[in-house]
């Protein structure tokens, strides 16, 4: 179930995600605050949304906590990390691969390096 929010089309609301993970929305929020999950909040909204790509079998993918920690250390907020993860890697625009694609391939070291350099 994706939200209709166009800025974050691949994200799930905490209430829905909490049901899927058998935890409360407060539990999801605690995971976000502790850096276990990436959450983004659309401008003017009070609701946090969570990118679906950070889950594998409804568990946070290996590396998410490390990527979030690197972003926080680099001073990147959640929205900037999301943008970095979903932007095309190539300068020409012909390369449609994104850091998300590297995450799906298990290449977290490369993502952490890119986040630190951002």
PDB file of N, CA and C in Angstrom:
ATOM      1  N   UNK A   1       0.842  -1.180   0.000  1.00  0.00           N
ATOM      2  CA  UNK A   1       0.000   0.000   0.000  1.00  0.00           C
ATOM      3  C   UNK A   1       0.881   1.234   0.000  1.00  0.00           C
ATOM      4  N   UNK A   2       0.966   1.898  -1.089  1.00  0.00           N
ATOM      5  CA  UNK A   2       1.748   3.137  -1.167  1.00  0.00           C
ATOM      6  C   UNK A   2       0.828   4.317  -0.907  1.00  0.00           C
ATOM      7  N   UNK A   3       1.394   5.322  -0.366  1.00  0.00           N
ATOM      8  CA  UNK A   3       0.641   6.545  -0.117  1.00  0.00           C
ATOM      9  C   UNK A   3       0.466   7.317  -1.412  1.00  0.00           C
ATOM     10  N   UNK A   4      -0.480   8.221  -1.436  1.00  0.00           N
ATOM     11  CA  UNK A   4      -0.692   9.032  -2.630  1.00  0.00           C
ATOM     12  C   UNK A   4       0.221  10.248  -2.658  1.00  0.00           C
ATOM     13  N   UNK A   5       1.004  10.430  -1.607  1.00  0.00           N
ATOM     14  CA  UNK A   5       1.935  11.573  -1.550  1.00  0.00           C
ATOM     15  C   UNK A   5       2.909  11.462  -2.724  1.00  0.00           C
ATOM     16  N   UNK A   6       2.917  12.468  -3.613  1.00  0.00           N
ATOM     17  CA  UNK A   6       3.731  12.377  -4.824  1.00  0.00           C
ATOM     18  C   UNK A   6       5.216  12.567  -4.554  1.00  0.00           C
ATOM     19  N   UNK A   7       5.588  13.307  -3.521  1.00  0.00           N
ATOM     20  CA  UNK A   7       7.010  13.487  -3.219  1.00  0.00           C
ATOM     21  C   UNK A   7       7.646  12.185  -2.758  1.00  0.00           C
ATOM     22  N   UNK A   8       6.876  11.347  -2.117  1.00  0.00           N
ATOM     23  CA  UNK A   8       7.369  10.078  -1.574  1.00  0.00           C
ATOM     24  C   UNK A   8       6.463   8.929  -2.031  1.00  0.00           C
ATOM     25  N   UNK A   9       6.461   8.634  -3.324  1.00  0.00           N
ATOM     26  CA  UNK A   9       5.508   7.652  -3.851  1.00  0.00           C
ATOM     27  C   UNK A   9       5.763   6.208  -3.402  1.00  0.00           C
ATOM     28  N   UNK A  10       6.951   5.910  -2.926  1.00  0.00           N
ATOM     29  CA  UNK A  10       7.313   4.546  -2.557  1.00  0.00           C
ATOM     30  C   UNK A  10       7.293   4.336  -1.044  1.00  0.00           C
ATOM     31  N   UNK A  11       6.562   5.201  -0.334  1.00  0.00           N
ATOM     32  CA  UNK A  11       6.577   5.161   1.128  1.00  0.00           C
ATOM     33  C   UNK A  11       5.258   4.680   1.707  1.00  0.00           C
ATOM     34  N   UNK A  12       5.365   4.153   2.912  1.00  0.00           N
ATOM     35  CA  UNK A  12       4.220   3.584   3.620  1.00  0.00           C
ATOM     36  C   UNK A  12       3.958   4.370   4.894  1.00  0.00           C
ATOM     37  N   UNK A  13       2.675   4.582   5.244  1.00  0.00           N
ATOM     38  CA  UNK A  13       2.370   5.262   6.498  1.00  0.00           C
ATOM     39  C   UNK A  13       2.669   4.375   7.699  1.00  0.00           C
ATOM     40  N   UNK A  14       3.005   4.998   8.823  1.00  0.00           N
ATOM     41  CA  UNK A  14       3.384   4.259  10.029  1.00  0.00           C
ATOM     42  C   UNK A  14       2.284   3.326  10.511  1.00  0.00           C
ATOM     43  N   UNK A  15       1.033   3.751  10.443  1.00  0.00           N
ATOM     44  CA  UNK A  15      -0.064   2.910  10.928  1.00  0.00           C
ATOM     45  C   UNK A  15      -0.147   1.603  10.126  1.00  0.00           C
ATOM     46  N   UNK A  16      -0.059   1.712   8.807  1.00  0.00           N
ATOM     47  CA  UNK A  16      -0.114   0.520   7.966  1.00  0.00           C
ATOM     48  C   UNK A  16       1.115  -0.356   8.205  1.00  0.00           C
ATOM     49  N   UNK A  17       2.262   0.276   8.266  1.00  0.00           N
ATOM     50  CA  UNK A  17       3.512  -0.451   8.477  1.00  0.00           C
ATOM     51  C   UNK A  17       3.515  -1.136   9.837  1.00  0.00           C
ATOM     52  N   UNK A  18       2.997  -0.451  10.860  1.00  0.00           N
ATOM     53  CA  UNK A  18       2.909  -1.043  12.189  1.00  0.00           C
ATOM     54  C   UNK A  18       2.088  -2.319  12.187  1.00  0.00           C
ATOM     55  N   UNK A  19       0.977  -2.323  11.452  1.00  0.00           N
ATOM     56  CA  UNK A  19       0.168  -3.543  11.348  1.00  0.00           C
ATOM     57  C   UNK A  19       0.964  -4.653  10.668  1.00  0.00           C
ATOM     58  N   UNK A  20       1.660  -4.312   9.626  1.00  0.00           N
ATOM     59  CA  UNK A  20       2.438  -5.305   8.868  1.00  0.00           C
ATOM     60  C   UNK A  20       3.569  -5.886   9.709  1.00  0.00           C
ATOM     61  N   UNK A  21       4.185  -5.042  10.543  1.00  0.00           N
ATOM     62  CA  UNK A  21       5.307  -5.484  11.380  1.00  0.00           C
ATOM     63  C   UNK A  21       4.858  -5.951  12.765  1.00  0.00           C
ATOM     64  N   UNK A  22       3.550  -5.952  12.993  1.00  0.00           N
ATOM     65  CA  UNK A  22       2.971  -6.363  14.284  1.00  0.00           C
ATOM     66  C   UNK A  22       3.524  -5.523  15.434  1.00  0.00           C
ATOM     67  N   UNK A  23       3.555  -4.226  15.219  1.00  0.00           N
ATOM     68  CA  UNK A  23       3.971  -3.294  16.262  1.00  0.00           C
ATOM     69  C   UNK A  23       3.114  -2.043  16.141  1.00  0.00           C
ATOM     70  N   UNK A  24       3.165  -1.209  17.119  1.00  0.00           N
ATOM     71  CA  UNK A  24       2.370   0.020  17.104  1.00  0.00           C
ATOM     72  C   UNK A  24       3.057   1.090  16.262  1.00  0.00           C
ATOM     73  N   UNK A  25       2.299   2.089  15.824  1.00  0.00           N
ATOM     74  CA  UNK A  25       2.951   3.222  15.153  1.00  0.00           C
ATOM     75  C   UNK A  25       4.018   3.861  16.056  1.00  0.00           C
ATOM     76  N   UNK A  26       3.785   3.840  17.369  1.00  0.00           N
ATOM     77  CA  UNK A  26       4.796   4.350  18.301  1.00  0.00           C
ATOM     78  C   UNK A  26       6.076   3.531  18.259  1.00  0.00           C
ATOM     79  N   UNK A  27       5.940   2.234  18.058  1.00  0.00           N
ATOM     80  CA  UNK A  27       7.114   1.370  17.916  1.00  0.00           C
ATOM     81  C   UNK A  27       7.884   1.672  16.648  1.00  0.00           C
ATOM     82  N   UNK A  28       7.149   1.964  15.586  1.00  0.00           N
ATOM     83  CA  UNK A  28       7.783   2.352  14.319  1.00  0.00           C
ATOM     84  C   UNK A  28       8.521   3.675  14.512  1.00  0.00           C
ATOM     85  N   UNK A  29       7.875   4.615  15.198  1.00  0.00           N
ATOM     86  CA  UNK A  29       8.495   5.918  15.472  1.00  0.00           C
ATOM     87  C   UNK A  29       9.764   5.746  16.301  1.00  0.00           C
ATOM     88  N   UNK A  30       9.731   4.866  17.281  1.00  0.00           N
ATOM     89  CA  UNK A  30      10.921   4.619  18.105  1.00  0.00           C
ATOM     90  C   UNK A  30      12.057   4.057  17.260  1.00  0.00           C
ATOM     91  N   UNK A  31      11.734   3.192  16.303  1.00  0.00           N
ATOM     92  CA  UNK A  31      12.755   2.649  15.408  1.00  0.00           C
ATOM     93  C   UNK A  31      13.350   3.759  14.545  1.00  0.00           C
ATOM     94  N   UNK A  32      12.503   4.705  14.104  1.00  0.00           N
ATOM     95  CA  UNK A  32      13.010   5.826  13.312  1.00  0.00           C
ATOM     96  C   UNK A  32      13.923   6.709  14.157  1.00  0.00           C
ATOM     97  N   UNK A  33      13.483   7.051  15.346  1.00  0.00           N
ATOM     98  CA  UNK A  33      14.289   7.926  16.205  1.00  0.00           C
ATOM     99  C   UNK A  33      15.634   7.293  16.554  1.00  0.00           C
ATOM    100  N   UNK A  34      15.649   5.966  16.738  1.00  0.00           N
ATOM    101  CA  UNK A  34      16.894   5.294  17.102  1.00  0.00           C
ATOM    102  C   UNK A  34      17.798   5.026  15.897  1.00  0.00           C
ATOM    103  N   UNK A  35      17.314   5.336  14.697  1.00  0.00           N
ATOM    104  CA  UNK A  35      18.139   5.155  13.502  1.00  0.00           C
ATOM    105  C   UNK A  35      18.025   3.791  12.856  1.00  0.00           C
ATOM    106  N   UNK A  36      17.063   2.984  13.284  1.00  0.00           N
ATOM    107  CA  UNK A  36      16.868   1.667  12.674  1.00  0.00           C
ATOM    108  C   UNK A  36      16.108   1.750  11.358  1.00  0.00           C
ATOM    109  N   UNK A  37      15.347   2.832  11.173  1.00  0.00           N
ATOM    110  CA  UNK A  37      14.554   3.036   9.962  1.00  0.00           C
ATOM    111  C   UNK A  37      14.722   4.458   9.469  1.00  0.00           C
ATOM    112  N   UNK A  38      14.553   4.622   8.181  1.00  0.00           N
ATOM    113  CA  UNK A  38      14.480   5.936   7.571  1.00  0.00           C
ATOM    114  C   UNK A  38      13.018   6.313   7.457  1.00  0.00           C
ATOM    115  N   UNK A  39      12.671   7.463   7.984  1.00  0.00           N
ATOM    116  CA  UNK A  39      11.323   7.987   7.840  1.00  0.00           C
ATOM    117  C   UNK A  39      11.398   9.391   7.266  1.00  0.00           C
ATOM    118  N   UNK A  40      10.418   9.750   6.468  1.00  0.00           N
ATOM    119  CA  UNK A  40      10.341  11.085   5.893  1.00  0.00           C
ATOM    120  C   UNK A  40       8.967  11.667   6.187  1.00  0.00           C
ATOM    121  N   UNK A  41       8.928  12.976   6.293  1.00  0.00           N
ATOM    122  CA  UNK A  41       7.655  13.636   6.582  1.00  0.00           C
ATOM    123  C   UNK A  41       7.413  14.702   5.523  1.00  0.00           C
ATOM    124  N   UNK A  42       6.327  14.554   4.770  1.00  0.00           N
ATOM    125  CA  UNK A  42       6.014  15.570   3.763  1.00  0.00           C
ATOM    126  C   UNK A  42       5.829  16.934   4.412  1.00  0.00           C
ATOM    127  N   UNK A  43       6.192  17.968   3.684  1.00  0.00           N
ATOM    128  CA  UNK A  43       6.066  19.330   4.189  1.00  0.00           C
ATOM    129  C   UNK A  43       4.625  19.604   4.605  1.00  0.00           C
ATOM    130  N   UNK A  44       4.456  20.127   5.799  1.00  0.00           N
ATOM    131  CA  UNK A  44       3.136  20.457   6.313  1.00  0.00           C
ATOM    132  C   UNK A  44       2.376  19.292   6.915  1.00  0.00           C
ATOM    133  N   UNK A  45       2.967  18.110   6.917  1.00  0.00           N
ATOM    134  CA  UNK A  45       2.303  16.924   7.457  1.00  0.00           C
ATOM    135  C   UNK A  45       2.864  16.582   8.826  1.00  0.00           C
ATOM    136  N   UNK A  46       2.060  15.942   9.633  1.00  0.00           N
ATOM    137  CA  UNK A  46       2.522  15.432  10.922  1.00  0.00           C
ATOM    138  C   UNK A  46       2.860  13.948  10.839  1.00  0.00           C
ATOM    139  N   UNK A  47       2.529  13.326   9.717  1.00  0.00           N
ATOM    140  CA  UNK A  47       2.700  11.880   9.550  1.00  0.00           C
ATOM    141  C   UNK A  47       4.058  11.534   8.938  1.00  0.00           C
ATOM    142  N   UNK A  48       4.744  10.595   9.562  1.00  0.00           N
ATOM    143  CA  UNK A  48       5.987  10.067   9.014  1.00  0.00           C
ATOM    144  C   UNK A  48       5.652   8.954   8.041  1.00  0.00           C
ATOM    145  N   UNK A  49       6.412   8.884   6.967  1.00  0.00           N
ATOM    146  CA  UNK A  49       6.275   7.850   5.950  1.00  0.00           C
ATOM    147  C   UNK A  49       7.595   7.094   5.865  1.00  0.00           C
ATOM    148  N   UNK A  50       7.512   5.825   5.495  1.00  0.00           N
ATOM    149  CA  UNK A  50       8.681   4.947   5.512  1.00  0.00           C
ATOM    150  C   UNK A  50       8.860   4.275   4.154  1.00  0.00           C
ATOM    151  N   UNK A  51      10.013   4.517   3.503  1.00  0.00           N
ATOM    152  CA  UNK A  51      10.249   3.904   2.192  1.00  0.00           C
ATOM    153  C   UNK A  51      10.175   2.376   2.260  1.00  0.00           C
ATOM    154  N   UNK A  52       9.390   1.812   1.368  1.00  0.00           N
ATOM    155  CA  UNK A  52       9.215   0.356   1.333  1.00  0.00           C
ATOM    156  C   UNK A  52      10.511  -0.366   0.997  1.00  0.00           C
ATOM    157  N   UNK A  53      11.404   0.284   0.239  1.00  0.00           N
ATOM    158  CA  UNK A  53      12.634  -0.378  -0.201  1.00  0.00           C
ATOM    159  C   UNK A  53      13.599  -0.662   0.939  1.00  0.00           C
ATOM    160  N   UNK A  54      13.375  -0.105   2.119  1.00  0.00           N
ATOM    161  CA  UNK A  54      14.284  -0.370   3.231  1.00  0.00           C
ATOM    162  C   UNK A  54      13.953  -1.668   3.963  1.00  0.00           C
ATOM    163  N   UNK A  55      12.930  -2.381   3.486  1.00  0.00           N
ATOM    164  CA  UNK A  55      12.517  -3.629   4.113  1.00  0.00           C
ATOM    165  C   UNK A  55      12.759  -4.823   3.203  1.00  0.00           C
ATOM    166  N   UNK A  56      13.100  -5.918   3.831  1.00  0.00           N
ATOM    167  CA  UNK A  56      13.210  -7.208   3.153  1.00  0.00           C
ATOM    168  C   UNK A  56      12.499  -8.207   4.042  1.00  0.00           C
ATOM    169  N   UNK A  57      11.473  -8.859   3.503  1.00  0.00           N
ATOM    170  CA  UNK A  57      10.638  -9.759   4.307  1.00  0.00           C
ATOM    171  C   UNK A  57      10.108  -9.042   5.546  1.00  0.00           C
ATOM    172  N   UNK A  58       9.778  -7.791   5.401  1.00  0.00           N
ATOM    173  CA  UNK A  58       9.213  -6.934   6.444  1.00  0.00           C
ATOM    174  C   UNK A  58      10.112  -6.783   7.659  1.00  0.00           C
ATOM    175  N   UNK A  59      11.403  -6.817   7.397  1.00  0.00           N
ATOM    176  CA  UNK A  59      12.420  -6.479   8.399  1.00  0.00           C
ATOM    177  C   UNK A  59      13.331  -5.441   7.757  1.00  0.00           C
ATOM    178  N   UNK A  60      13.884  -4.527   8.562  1.00  0.00           N
ATOM    179  CA  UNK A  60      14.817  -3.554   7.964  1.00  0.00           C
ATOM    180  C   UNK A  60      15.973  -4.283   7.276  1.00  0.00           C
ATOM    181  N   UNK A  61      16.291  -3.853   6.075  1.00  0.00           N
ATOM    182  CA  UNK A  61      17.400  -4.467   5.343  1.00  0.00           C
ATOM    183  C   UNK A  61      18.702  -4.260   6.103  1.00  0.00           C
ATOM    184  N   UNK A  62      19.598  -5.233   5.988  1.00  0.00           N
ATOM    185  CA  UNK A  62      20.923  -5.030   6.570  1.00  0.00           C
ATOM    186  C   UNK A  62      21.535  -3.758   5.985  1.00  0.00           C
ATOM    187  N   UNK A  63      22.082  -2.957   6.821  1.00  0.00           N
ATOM    188  CA  UNK A  63      22.726  -1.740   6.356  1.00  0.00           C
ATOM    189  C   UNK A  63      21.918  -0.477   6.562  1.00  0.00           C
ATOM    190  N   UNK A  64      20.609  -0.581   6.755  1.00  0.00           N
ATOM    191  CA  UNK A  64      19.801   0.640   6.913  1.00  0.00           C
ATOM    192  C   UNK A  64      20.285   1.453   8.107  1.00  0.00           C
ATOM    193  N   UNK A  65      20.479   0.819   9.248  1.00  0.00           N
ATOM    194  CA  UNK A  65      20.922   1.559  10.446  1.00  0.00           C
ATOM    195  C   UNK A  65      22.279   2.224  10.199  1.00  0.00           C
ATOM    196  N   UNK A  66      23.151   1.540   9.498  1.00  0.00           N
ATOM    197  CA  UNK A  66      24.471   2.094   9.208  1.00  0.00           C
ATOM    198  C   UNK A  66      24.382   3.286   8.251  1.00  0.00           C
ATOM    199  N   UNK A  67      23.490   3.195   7.277  1.00  0.00           N
ATOM    200  CA  UNK A  67      23.293   4.282   6.321  1.00  0.00           C
ATOM    201  C   UNK A  67      22.683   5.498   7.023  1.00  0.00           C
ATOM    202  N   UNK A  68      21.685   5.272   7.863  1.00  0.00           N
ATOM    203  CA  UNK A  68      21.057   6.371   8.603  1.00  0.00           C
ATOM    204  C   UNK A  68      22.085   7.016   9.534  1.00  0.00           C
ATOM    205  N   UNK A  69      22.899   6.199  10.189  1.00  0.00           N
ATOM    206  CA  UNK A  69      23.934   6.743  11.086  1.00  0.00           C
ATOM    207  C   UNK A  69      24.931   7.601  10.303  1.00  0.00           C
ATOM    208  N   UNK A  70      25.330   7.149   9.126  1.00  0.00           N
ATOM    209  CA  UNK A  70      26.267   7.927   8.301  1.00  0.00           C
ATOM    210  C   UNK A  70      25.635   9.254   7.883  1.00  0.00           C
ATOM    211  N   UNK A  71      24.353   9.226   7.546  1.00  0.00           N
ATOM    212  CA  UNK A  71      23.665  10.463   7.160  1.00  0.00           C
ATOM    213  C   UNK A  71      23.597  11.429   8.330  1.00  0.00           C
ATOM    214  N   UNK A  72      23.259  10.927   9.489  1.00  0.00           N
ATOM    215  CA  UNK A  72      23.186  11.796  10.667  1.00  0.00           C
ATOM    216  C   UNK A  72      24.548  12.394  10.983  1.00  0.00           C
ATOM    217  N   UNK A  73      25.589  11.579  10.886  1.00  0.00           N
ATOM    218  CA  UNK A  73      26.948  12.071  11.154  1.00  0.00           C
ATOM    219  C   UNK A  73      27.367  13.136  10.140  1.00  0.00           C
ATOM    220  N   UNK A  74      26.863  13.015   8.906  1.00  0.00           N
ATOM    221  CA  UNK A  74      27.184  13.982   7.859  1.00  0.00           C
ATOM    222  C   UNK A  74      26.273  15.214   7.901  1.00  0.00           C
ATOM    223  N   UNK A  75      25.323  15.226   8.823  1.00  0.00           N
ATOM    224  CA  UNK A  75      24.417  16.367   8.946  1.00  0.00           C
ATOM    225  C   UNK A  75      23.267  16.375   7.954  1.00  0.00           C
ATOM    226  N   UNK A  76      22.971  15.212   7.369  1.00  0.00           N
ATOM    227  CA  UNK A  76      21.864  15.122   6.409  1.00  0.00           C
ATOM    228  C   UNK A  76      20.573  14.798   7.144  1.00  0.00           C
ATOM    229  N   UNK A  77      19.507  15.522   6.843  1.00  0.00           N
ATOM    230  CA  UNK A  77      18.224  15.176   7.443  1.00  0.00           C
ATOM    231  C   UNK A  77      17.579  14.041   6.647  1.00  0.00           C
ATOM    232  N   UNK A  78      16.445  13.568   7.125  1.00  0.00           N
ATOM    233  CA  UNK A  78      15.785  12.408   6.515  1.00  0.00           C
ATOM    234  C   UNK A  78      15.391  12.669   5.062  1.00  0.00           C
ATOM    235  N   UNK A  79      14.865  13.863   4.788  1.00  0.00           N
ATOM    236  CA  UNK A  79      14.443  14.180   3.419  1.00  0.00           C
ATOM    237  C   UNK A  79      15.638  14.188   2.470  1.00  0.00           C
ATOM    238  N   UNK A  80      16.748  14.737   2.909  1.00  0.00           N
ATOM    239  CA  UNK A  80      17.948  14.774   2.066  1.00  0.00           C
ATOM    240  C   UNK A  80      18.485  13.364   1.832  1.00  0.00           C
ATOM    241  N   UNK A  81      18.459  12.518   2.855  1.00  0.00           N
ATOM    242  CA  UNK A  81      18.901  11.131   2.677  1.00  0.00           C
ATOM    243  C   UNK A  81      17.988  10.407   1.695  1.00  0.00           C
ATOM    244  N   UNK A  82      16.695  10.596   1.820  1.00  0.00           N
ATOM    245  CA  UNK A  82      15.757   9.981   0.879  1.00  0.00           C
ATOM    246  C   UNK A  82      16.081  10.432  -0.542  1.00  0.00           C
ATOM    247  N   UNK A  83      16.258  11.747  -0.731  1.00  0.00           N
ATOM    248  CA  UNK A  83      16.571  12.274  -2.063  1.00  0.00           C
ATOM    249  C   UNK A  83      17.860  11.673  -2.605  1.00  0.00           C
ATOM    250  N   UNK A  84      18.859  11.565  -1.758  1.00  0.00           N
ATOM    251  CA  UNK A  84      20.137  10.984  -2.160  1.00  0.00           C
ATOM    252  C   UNK A  84      19.969   9.513  -2.555  1.00  0.00           C
ATOM    253  N   UNK A  85      19.184   8.785  -1.786  1.00  0.00           N
ATOM    254  CA  UNK A  85      18.978   7.357  -2.056  1.00  0.00           C
ATOM    255  C   UNK A  85      18.208   7.116  -3.350  1.00  0.00           C
ATOM    256  N   UNK A  86      17.332   8.032  -3.730  1.00  0.00           N
ATOM    257  CA  UNK A  86      16.454   7.798  -4.881  1.00  0.00           C
ATOM    258  C   UNK A  86      16.856   8.550  -6.144  1.00  0.00           C
ATOM    259  N   UNK A  87      17.891   9.382  -6.065  1.00  0.00           N
ATOM    260  CA  UNK A  87      18.335  10.135  -7.246  1.00  0.00           C
ATOM    261  C   UNK A  87      19.168   9.249  -8.172  1.00  0.00           C
ATOM    262  N   UNK A  88      19.104   9.487  -9.478  1.00  0.00           N
ATOM    263  CA  UNK A  88      19.964   8.736 -10.401  1.00  0.00           C
ATOM    264  C   UNK A  88      21.434   8.972 -10.068  1.00  0.00           C
ATOM    265  N   UNK A  89      22.246   7.925 -10.196  1.00  0.00           N
ATOM    266  CA  UNK A  89      23.668   8.023  -9.868  1.00  0.00           C
ATOM    267  C   UNK A  89      24.479   8.752 -10.928  1.00  0.00           C
ATOM    268  N   UNK A  90      24.139   8.553 -12.182  1.00  0.00           N
ATOM    269  CA  UNK A  90      24.931   9.137 -13.261  1.00  0.00           C
ATOM    270  C   UNK A  90      24.676  10.615 -13.450  1.00  0.00           C
ATOM    271  N   UNK A  91      25.718  11.340 -13.793  1.00  0.00           N
ATOM    272  CA  UNK A  91      25.583  12.774 -14.039  1.00  0.00           C
ATOM    273  C   UNK A  91      24.805  13.073 -15.312  1.00  0.00           C
ATOM    274  N   UNK A  92      24.869  12.187 -16.283  1.00  0.00           N
ATOM    275  CA  UNK A  92      24.233  12.447 -17.570  1.00  0.00           C
ATOM    276  C   UNK A  92      22.737  12.184 -17.551  1.00  0.00           C
ATOM    277  N   UNK A  93      22.260  11.483 -16.554  1.00  0.00           N
ATOM    278  CA  UNK A  93      20.843  11.151 -16.518  1.00  0.00           C
ATOM    279  C   UNK A  93      20.514   9.879 -17.269  1.00  0.00           C
ATOM    280  N   UNK A  94      21.489   9.357 -18.007  1.00  0.00           N
ATOM    281  CA  UNK A  94      21.242   8.104 -18.739  1.00  0.00           C
ATOM    282  C   UNK A  94      21.305   6.911 -17.805  1.00  0.00           C
ATOM    283  N   UNK A  95      22.118   7.012 -16.769  1.00  0.00           N
ATOM    284  CA  UNK A  95      22.220   5.928 -15.791  1.00  0.00           C
ATOM    285  C   UNK A  95      21.092   6.090 -14.792  1.00  0.00           C
ATOM    286  N   UNK A  96      20.117   5.238 -14.845  1.00  0.00           N
ATOM    287  CA  UNK A  96      18.946   5.337 -13.984  1.00  0.00           C
ATOM    288  C   UNK A  96      19.129   4.595 -12.661  1.00  0.00           C
ATOM    289  N   UNK A  97      20.306   4.012 -12.446  1.00  0.00           N
ATOM    290  CA  UNK A  97      20.551   3.332 -11.176  1.00  0.00           C
ATOM    291  C   UNK A  97      20.599   4.358 -10.051  1.00  0.00           C
ATOM    292  N   UNK A  98      20.200   3.916  -8.878  1.00  0.00           N
ATOM    293  CA  UNK A  98      20.148   4.784  -7.704  1.00  0.00           C
ATOM    294  C   UNK A  98      20.843   4.073  -6.545  1.00  0.00           C
ATOM    295  N   UNK A  99      21.115   4.794  -5.473  1.00  0.00           N
ATOM    296  CA  UNK A  99      21.671   4.153  -4.284  1.00  0.00           C
ATOM    297  C   UNK A  99      20.733   3.081  -3.763  1.00  0.00           C
ATOM    298  N   UNK A 100      19.441   3.277  -3.932  1.00  0.00           N
ATOM    299  CA  UNK A 100      18.472   2.242  -3.550  1.00  0.00           C
ATOM    300  C   UNK A 100      18.790   0.933  -4.255  1.00  0.00           C
ATOM    301  N   UNK A 101      19.157   1.005  -5.523  1.00  0.00           N
ATOM    302  CA  UNK A 101      19.490  -0.212  -6.267  1.00  0.00           C
ATOM    303  C   UNK A 101      20.709  -0.905  -5.667  1.00  0.00           C
ATOM    304  N   UNK A 102      21.678  -0.112  -5.213  1.00  0.00           N
ATOM    305  CA  UNK A 102      22.844  -0.694  -4.546  1.00  0.00           C
ATOM    306  C   UNK A 102      22.430  -1.347  -3.229  1.00  0.00           C
ATOM    307  N   UNK A 103      21.493  -0.727  -2.520  1.00  0.00           N
ATOM    308  CA  UNK A 103      20.977  -1.310  -1.280  1.00  0.00           C
ATOM    309  C   UNK A 103      20.356  -2.677  -1.547  1.00  0.00           C
ATOM    310  N   UNK A 104      19.567  -2.775  -2.589  1.00  0.00           N
ATOM    311  CA  UNK A 104      18.921  -4.033  -2.937  1.00  0.00           C
ATOM    312  C   UNK A 104      19.932  -5.105  -3.318  1.00  0.00           C
ATOM    313  N   UNK A 105      21.102  -4.680  -3.766  1.00  0.00           N
ATOM    314  CA  UNK A 105      22.182  -5.606  -4.117  1.00  0.00           C
ATOM    315  C   UNK A 105      23.091  -5.910  -2.924  1.00  0.00           C
ATOM    316  N   UNK A 106      22.824  -5.289  -1.780  1.00  0.00           N
ATOM    317  CA  UNK A 106      23.637  -5.523  -0.588  1.00  0.00           C
ATOM    318  C   UNK A 106      24.960  -4.783  -0.576  1.00  0.00           C
ATOM    319  N   UNK A 107      25.051  -3.688  -1.294  1.00  0.00           N
ATOM    320  CA  UNK A 107      26.312  -2.944  -1.427  1.00  0.00           C
ATOM    321  C   UNK A 107      26.319  -1.727  -0.500  1.00  0.00           C
ATOM    322  N   UNK A 108      26.099  -1.964   0.778  1.00  0.00           N
ATOM    323  CA  UNK A 108      25.954  -0.866   1.742  1.00  0.00           C
ATOM    324  C   UNK A 108      27.225  -0.051   1.922  1.00  0.00           C
ATOM    325  N   UNK A 109      28.410  -0.659   1.776  1.00  0.00           N
ATOM    326  CA  UNK A 109      29.647   0.109   1.932  1.00  0.00           C
ATOM    327  C   UNK A 109      29.704   1.257   0.924  1.00  0.00           C
ATOM    328  N   UNK A 110      29.295   0.998  -0.303  1.00  0.00           N
ATOM    329  CA  UNK A 110      29.295   2.037  -1.331  1.00  0.00           C
ATOM    330  C   UNK A 110      28.294   3.135  -1.002  1.00  0.00           C
ATOM    331  N   UNK A 111      27.161   2.754  -0.446  1.00  0.00           N
ATOM    332  CA  UNK A 111      26.142   3.736  -0.067  1.00  0.00           C
ATOM    333  C   UNK A 111      26.652   4.611   1.063  1.00  0.00           C
ATOM    334  N   UNK A 112      27.245   3.994   2.081  1.00  0.00           N
ATOM    335  CA  UNK A 112      27.786   4.760   3.212  1.00  0.00           C
ATOM    336  C   UNK A 112      28.840   5.740   2.713  1.00  0.00           C
ATOM    337  N   UNK A 113      29.709   5.314   1.799  1.00  0.00           N
ATOM    338  CA  UNK A 113      30.723   6.227   1.236  1.00  0.00           C
ATOM    339  C   UNK A 113      30.057   7.397   0.514  1.00  0.00           C
ATOM    340  N   UNK A 114      29.007   7.113  -0.263  1.00  0.00           N
ATOM    341  CA  UNK A 114      28.322   8.166  -1.000  1.00  0.00           C
ATOM    342  C   UNK A 114      27.608   9.131  -0.055  1.00  0.00           C
ATOM    343  N   UNK A 115      27.037   8.614   1.010  1.00  0.00           N
ATOM    344  CA  UNK A 115      26.350   9.463   1.988  1.00  0.00           C
ATOM    345  C   UNK A 115      27.353  10.357   2.709  1.00  0.00           C
ATOM    346  N   UNK A 116      28.479   9.789   3.075  1.00  0.00           N
ATOM    347  CA  UNK A 116      29.514  10.594   3.744  1.00  0.00           C
ATOM    348  C   UNK A 116      30.042  11.698   2.843  1.00  0.00           C
ATOM    349  N   UNK A 117      30.081  11.442   1.536  1.00  0.00           N
ATOM    350  CA  UNK A 117      30.614  12.418   0.587  1.00  0.00           C
ATOM    351  C   UNK A 117      29.583  13.478   0.177  1.00  0.00           C
ATOM    352  N   UNK A 118      28.327  13.252   0.517  1.00  0.00           N
ATOM    353  CA  UNK A 118      27.258  14.154   0.049  1.00  0.00           C
ATOM    354  C   UNK A 118      27.317  15.512   0.685  1.00  0.00           C
TER     355      UNK A 118
END
